[in-house]
Protein backbone atom coordinates (compact mmCIF):
# COMPACT_ATOMS: atom_id res chain seq x y z
CA MET A 1 12.44 9.63 52.09
CA ALA A 2 15.30 12.08 52.39
CA MET A 3 14.89 15.32 50.52
CA LYS A 4 17.54 17.06 48.46
CA ASN A 5 17.53 20.53 46.97
CA TYR A 6 17.37 20.65 43.19
CA SER A 7 20.94 22.02 43.13
CA ALA A 8 22.14 18.60 44.41
CA PHE A 9 21.18 17.21 41.00
CA SER A 10 22.88 18.46 37.88
CA GLU A 11 20.54 16.79 35.37
CA PHE A 12 17.05 15.44 34.77
CA ILE A 13 16.30 12.58 32.40
CA LEU A 14 13.63 13.19 29.71
CA LEU A 15 11.89 9.91 28.88
CA GLY A 16 10.82 11.21 25.46
CA LEU A 17 8.42 9.55 23.06
CA SER A 18 9.88 6.03 22.73
CA ILE A 19 12.70 3.84 24.01
CA ASP A 20 12.84 1.78 20.80
CA PRO A 21 15.95 2.90 18.79
CA ASN A 22 14.28 2.13 15.44
CA ILE A 23 11.22 4.20 16.31
CA GLN A 24 13.46 6.97 17.62
CA ASP A 25 15.22 7.18 14.24
CA ILE A 26 11.88 7.47 12.45
CA LEU A 27 10.65 10.10 14.92
CA PHE A 28 13.88 12.07 14.49
CA VAL A 29 13.41 12.32 10.73
CA LEU A 30 9.70 13.14 11.12
CA PHE A 31 10.16 15.91 13.68
CA LEU A 32 13.22 17.30 11.92
CA LEU A 33 11.11 17.73 8.77
CA ILE A 34 8.28 19.29 10.80
CA TYR A 35 10.72 21.72 12.44
CA LEU A 36 12.31 22.68 9.11
CA PHE A 37 8.85 23.30 7.61
CA THR A 38 7.98 25.37 10.69
CA LEU A 39 11.08 27.52 10.24
CA MET A 40 10.62 27.96 6.50
CA GLY A 41 6.88 28.63 6.70
CA ASN A 42 7.05 31.20 9.47
CA PHE A 43 10.15 32.94 8.09
CA LEU A 44 8.39 33.15 4.71
CA MET A 45 5.32 34.69 6.35
CA LEU A 46 7.52 37.26 8.12
CA LEU A 47 9.31 38.09 4.88
CA VAL A 48 6.14 38.43 2.80
CA MET A 49 4.29 40.61 5.31
CA ARG A 50 7.34 42.78 5.84
CA ALA A 51 8.08 43.26 2.14
CA ASP A 52 4.56 43.73 0.73
CA SER A 53 3.07 47.18 1.36
CA HIS A 54 -0.46 45.79 0.86
CA LEU A 55 -0.05 43.87 4.11
CA HIS A 56 1.01 46.82 6.27
CA MET A 57 -2.25 46.72 8.24
CA PRO A 58 -3.06 45.90 11.89
CA MET A 59 -4.30 42.39 11.05
CA TYR A 60 -1.00 41.48 9.38
CA PHE A 61 1.04 43.23 12.05
CA PHE A 62 -0.51 40.80 14.55
CA LEU A 63 0.01 37.91 12.14
CA ARG A 64 3.73 38.76 12.00
CA GLN A 65 3.83 38.55 15.78
CA LEU A 66 2.07 35.17 15.63
CA SER A 67 4.67 33.83 13.18
CA PHE A 68 7.47 35.08 15.42
CA LEU A 69 5.84 33.46 18.47
CA ASP A 70 5.45 30.16 16.61
CA LEU A 71 9.15 30.24 15.77
CA CYS A 72 10.01 30.87 19.42
CA HIS A 73 7.59 28.32 20.86
CA SER A 74 8.73 25.55 18.54
CA SER A 75 12.42 26.35 19.02
CA VAL A 76 12.10 26.07 22.80
CA THR A 77 11.26 22.36 22.69
CA VAL A 78 12.01 20.75 19.32
CA PRO A 79 15.84 21.10 19.11
CA LYS A 80 16.30 19.42 22.51
CA MET A 81 13.77 16.74 21.61
CA LEU A 82 15.69 16.02 18.38
CA GLU A 83 18.96 15.83 20.32
CA ASN A 84 17.50 13.35 22.81
CA LEU A 85 16.10 11.15 20.03
CA LEU A 86 19.71 10.56 18.90
CA SER A 87 21.22 10.41 22.38
CA GLU A 88 21.40 7.48 24.77
CA SER A 89 21.54 9.58 27.94
CA LYS A 90 18.51 11.85 27.19
CA THR A 91 19.53 14.25 29.92
CA ILE A 92 18.96 17.96 30.42
CA PHE A 93 20.64 20.20 32.97
CA VAL A 94 18.33 21.27 35.79
CA GLU A 95 18.86 24.95 34.98
CA SER A 96 18.11 24.27 31.30
CA CYS A 97 14.99 22.33 32.27
CA LEU A 98 13.67 25.21 34.37
CA ALA A 99 14.54 27.68 31.61
CA GLN A 100 12.71 25.54 29.05
CA ALA A 101 9.66 25.30 31.31
CA PHE A 102 9.71 29.10 31.68
CA PHE A 103 9.84 29.78 27.94
CA VAL A 104 7.23 27.12 27.11
CA PHE A 105 4.84 28.80 29.55
CA ALA A 106 5.78 32.34 28.47
CA THR A 107 5.50 31.82 24.72
CA GLY A 108 2.31 29.80 25.08
CA GLY A 109 0.80 32.50 27.29
CA ALA A 110 1.86 35.26 24.90
CA GLU A 111 0.23 33.40 22.01
CA ALA A 112 -3.02 33.03 23.97
CA CYS A 113 -3.07 36.80 24.58
CA LEU A 114 -2.19 37.54 20.97
CA LEU A 115 -5.03 35.36 19.67
CA ALA A 116 -7.42 37.35 21.89
CA VAL A 117 -5.97 40.59 20.49
CA MET A 118 -6.45 39.28 16.94
CA ALA A 119 -10.07 38.42 17.76
CA TYR A 120 -10.60 42.00 18.96
CA ASP A 121 -9.03 43.25 15.73
CA ARG A 122 -11.52 41.21 13.68
CA TYR A 123 -14.35 42.44 15.93
CA VAL A 124 -13.48 46.09 15.24
CA ALA A 125 -12.97 45.44 11.51
CA ILE A 126 -16.38 43.81 11.06
CA THR A 127 -18.57 45.72 13.52
CA SER A 128 -17.06 49.18 12.89
CA PRO A 129 -15.37 49.08 9.46
CA LEU A 130 -15.46 52.86 8.97
CA LEU A 131 -13.66 53.45 12.27
CA TYR A 132 -11.23 50.53 11.94
CA GLY A 133 -8.20 52.59 10.93
CA GLN A 134 -8.89 55.15 13.63
CA VAL A 135 -9.49 52.64 16.45
CA MET A 136 -6.68 50.21 15.57
CA GLY A 137 -3.92 52.79 15.50
CA ASN A 138 -0.24 51.93 15.57
CA GLN A 139 0.16 52.91 19.21
CA LEU A 140 -2.70 50.65 20.35
CA CYS A 141 -1.48 47.70 18.26
CA VAL A 142 2.09 47.94 19.59
CA GLY A 143 0.78 48.40 23.13
CA MET A 144 -1.40 45.29 22.94
CA VAL A 145 1.50 43.19 21.64
CA TRP A 146 3.83 44.41 24.39
CA GLY A 147 1.05 43.83 26.91
CA SER A 148 0.68 40.24 25.70
CA TRP A 149 4.39 39.56 26.10
CA GLY A 150 4.58 41.34 29.46
CA LEU A 151 1.62 39.52 30.98
CA ALA A 152 2.84 36.14 29.76
CA PHE A 153 6.41 36.63 31.02
CA ALA A 154 5.24 37.90 34.41
CA ASP A 155 2.92 34.91 34.77
CA ALA A 156 5.67 32.46 33.79
CA LEU A 157 8.23 34.13 36.06
CA ILE A 158 6.03 33.81 39.16
CA ASN A 159 5.43 30.11 38.54
CA ILE A 160 9.09 29.36 37.78
CA LEU A 161 10.37 31.18 40.87
CA LEU A 162 8.09 28.97 42.97
CA ALA A 163 9.39 25.85 41.17
CA VAL A 164 13.04 26.84 41.77
CA ASN A 165 12.48 26.60 45.53
CA LEU A 166 11.19 23.02 45.41
CA ASP A 167 13.16 20.06 46.80
CA TYR A 168 13.45 17.11 44.43
CA CYS A 169 13.59 13.40 45.27
CA GLU A 170 15.98 10.74 44.02
CA ASP A 171 13.80 10.12 40.95
CA GLN A 172 15.11 12.47 38.28
CA THR A 173 13.03 11.10 35.39
CA VAL A 174 10.64 13.53 33.65
CA PRO A 175 7.82 11.55 32.00
CA HIS A 176 7.73 13.84 28.98
CA PHE A 177 9.68 14.92 25.87
CA SER A 178 10.15 18.43 27.29
CA CYS A 179 10.23 20.20 30.64
CA GLU A 180 6.86 21.59 31.70
CA LEU A 181 5.90 22.83 35.15
CA SER A 182 3.30 20.16 35.79
CA SER A 183 5.84 17.45 34.94
CA LEU A 184 8.34 18.80 37.46
CA PHE A 185 5.83 18.82 40.33
CA SER A 186 5.63 15.01 40.31
CA LEU A 187 9.40 14.81 40.97
CA SER A 188 9.30 16.98 44.07
CA CYS A 189 9.41 15.78 47.68
CA SER A 190 8.15 19.19 48.80
CA ASP A 191 4.55 20.22 49.26
CA THR A 192 3.56 21.37 45.76
CA SER A 193 0.03 22.46 46.67
CA THR A 194 0.99 26.14 46.48
CA ASN A 195 2.72 25.63 43.13
CA PHE A 196 -0.21 23.70 41.75
CA THR A 197 -2.67 26.33 43.00
CA PHE A 198 -0.69 29.16 41.38
CA LEU A 199 -0.36 27.19 38.14
CA LEU A 200 -4.06 26.37 38.09
CA CYS A 201 -5.10 29.97 38.86
CA SER A 202 -2.76 31.46 36.28
CA SER A 203 -3.91 28.94 33.67
CA VAL A 204 -7.56 29.67 34.39
CA LEU A 205 -7.09 33.44 34.37
CA HIS A 206 -4.66 33.52 31.45
CA PHE A 207 -5.91 30.86 29.08
CA PHE A 208 -9.59 30.70 29.97
CA GLY A 209 -9.67 34.49 30.33
CA THR A 210 -8.33 35.04 26.84
CA PHE A 211 -10.61 32.28 25.50
CA LEU A 212 -13.66 34.06 26.95
CA MET A 213 -12.51 37.30 25.30
CA ILE A 214 -12.33 35.47 21.98
CA VAL A 215 -15.78 33.95 22.46
CA PHE A 216 -17.24 37.37 23.32
CA SER A 217 -15.61 38.97 20.26
CA TYR A 218 -16.93 36.28 17.94
CA ALA A 219 -20.40 36.42 19.46
CA ARG A 220 -20.53 40.09 18.43
CA ILE A 221 -18.98 39.28 15.06
CA VAL A 222 -21.54 36.55 14.30
CA SER A 223 -24.36 38.88 15.34
CA THR A 224 -23.07 41.55 12.97
CA ILE A 225 -22.55 39.10 10.09
CA LEU A 226 -26.08 37.71 10.44
CA SER A 227 -27.47 41.24 10.16
CA ILE A 228 -25.85 41.68 6.72
CA SER A 229 -28.55 41.30 4.09
CA SER A 230 -26.52 39.99 1.13
CA THR A 231 -25.17 36.45 1.08
CA SER A 232 -21.95 37.58 -0.62
CA GLY A 233 -21.43 40.20 2.09
CA ARG A 234 -21.85 37.63 4.83
CA GLY A 235 -19.45 35.25 3.08
CA LYS A 236 -16.82 37.97 2.62
CA ALA A 237 -17.08 39.03 6.27
CA PHE A 238 -16.79 35.47 7.53
CA SER A 239 -13.83 34.70 5.23
CA THR A 240 -11.75 37.35 7.03
CA CYS A 241 -12.15 35.34 10.27
CA SER A 242 -11.83 31.75 9.02
CA SER A 243 -8.02 31.55 9.32
CA HIS A 244 -8.06 32.98 12.84
CA LEU A 245 -10.86 30.65 13.92
CA THR A 246 -8.93 27.62 12.64
CA THR A 247 -5.80 28.72 14.53
CA VAL A 248 -7.79 29.33 17.73
CA THR A 249 -9.38 25.87 17.48
CA LEU A 250 -6.00 24.15 17.08
CA PHE A 251 -4.29 26.18 19.80
CA TYR A 252 -6.94 26.04 22.51
CA GLY A 253 -8.18 22.55 21.68
CA SER A 254 -4.79 20.89 22.08
CA GLY A 255 -3.43 23.40 24.62
CA PHE A 256 -6.29 23.03 27.10
CA LEU A 257 -6.25 19.25 26.91
CA SER A 258 -2.47 19.16 27.22
CA TYR A 259 -2.45 21.25 30.40
CA LEU A 260 -5.62 19.87 31.97
CA LEU A 261 -4.88 16.15 31.55
CA PRO A 262 -3.13 14.49 34.51
CA THR A 263 0.65 14.41 34.09
CA SER A 264 1.21 10.71 33.55
CA GLY A 265 3.25 10.50 30.34
CA SER A 266 0.33 8.69 28.69
CA PRO A 267 0.16 8.46 24.87
CA MET A 268 -2.93 10.71 24.87
CA GLU A 269 -1.15 13.42 26.86
CA MET A 270 1.92 13.18 24.62
CA MET A 271 -0.24 13.48 21.51
CA PHE A 272 -1.91 16.70 22.67
CA SER A 273 1.42 18.14 23.80
CA LEU A 274 2.97 17.42 20.40
CA GLN A 275 -0.01 18.99 18.65
CA TYR A 276 0.24 22.08 20.84
CA SER A 277 3.99 22.66 20.80
CA VAL A 278 5.25 21.06 17.57
CA VAL A 279 2.53 20.62 14.95
CA THR A 280 0.45 23.79 15.38
CA PRO A 281 3.42 26.18 14.79
CA MET A 282 3.98 24.40 11.46
CA LEU A 283 0.30 24.53 10.45
CA ASN A 284 -0.35 28.23 11.14
CA PRO A 285 1.58 29.52 8.08
CA LEU A 286 -0.25 26.97 5.91
CA ILE A 287 -3.61 28.02 7.32
CA TYR A 288 -3.05 31.70 6.64
CA SER A 289 -1.39 31.20 3.24
CA LEU A 290 -4.13 28.90 1.99
CA GLN A 291 -7.21 30.62 3.47
CA ASN A 292 -6.23 34.29 3.29
CA LYS A 293 -6.57 35.83 -0.20
CA GLU A 294 -4.36 38.83 0.57
CA VAL A 295 -1.51 36.64 1.84
CA LYS A 296 -1.80 34.34 -1.18
CA ALA A 297 -1.76 37.34 -3.52
CA ALA A 298 1.27 38.82 -1.73
CA MET A 299 3.15 35.52 -2.01
CA GLY A 300 2.32 35.40 -5.71
CA ARG A 301 3.64 38.93 -6.22
CA MET A 302 6.83 38.15 -4.32
CA PHE A 303 7.54 34.94 -6.23
CA ARG A 304 6.85 36.63 -9.58
CA LYS A 305 9.21 39.45 -8.60
CA TYR A 306 12.03 37.06 -7.71
CA LEU A 307 11.45 34.93 -10.80
CA HIS A 308 11.53 38.05 -12.96
CA SER A 309 14.79 39.16 -11.35
CA PHE A 310 16.47 35.84 -12.23
CA MET A 311 15.28 35.82 -15.83
């Protein structure tokens, strides 16, 4: 089969979630609502943690970064998916597809690093509470956030630069609702073994590496909590980690399965991808607002303040 450079094609076709127009209309309404809730929930979290002085602590500094990342990660894929649900052509420019793949990988990688940083924050808070303020200084917190972004963007950039040099065949159909690196490899006439090896290595080092850091942090946390004599003390210590543990479970559970399943456009693969890139960014604000007492109290204070100002 003759090979053509990707620049010979101006567009890819995203198959999306369904070809049935009636189902597409239902999916459009559903995912539009999910996206609006994602925007409102995460913007509200950013506003509350910025405005309330009680939440000016390292833990909530990292939580602000998580809300911002969720906004970015969701906004990379959902608007284009909504557009394609209403469009007959369902196309995306090649350059836009590569850019989307880059930002999906970068924001997902940054979130993995940030969750590991948040686990370390909980580790310091529980195992060394008296030194927490000294250890988790502003300079260290800012440095770890910038390090998370830098590592994720460097990782994504290497993989995208390799994908740009691929030659693509006549088939321009991406069996997915968004552009991801693994989906693009199946369209290439070139040898993608190098690309796949780099993607696999970076995924193992980046995602499994951060996951192991989280597991190590929580192993030390559990050991410390079990050594606390009072039941109320153990419950209070564990409650500070429950929101983060729930977020980690959602992110890594769906993220690992999404990236490790073969790229076939199967319903199972689509389901995990939707959970990872669309649903989880909406759930994180709910998890932290419902399970975290300080966040709930701050929201209550903010709403009472605004209600009082209108009365």
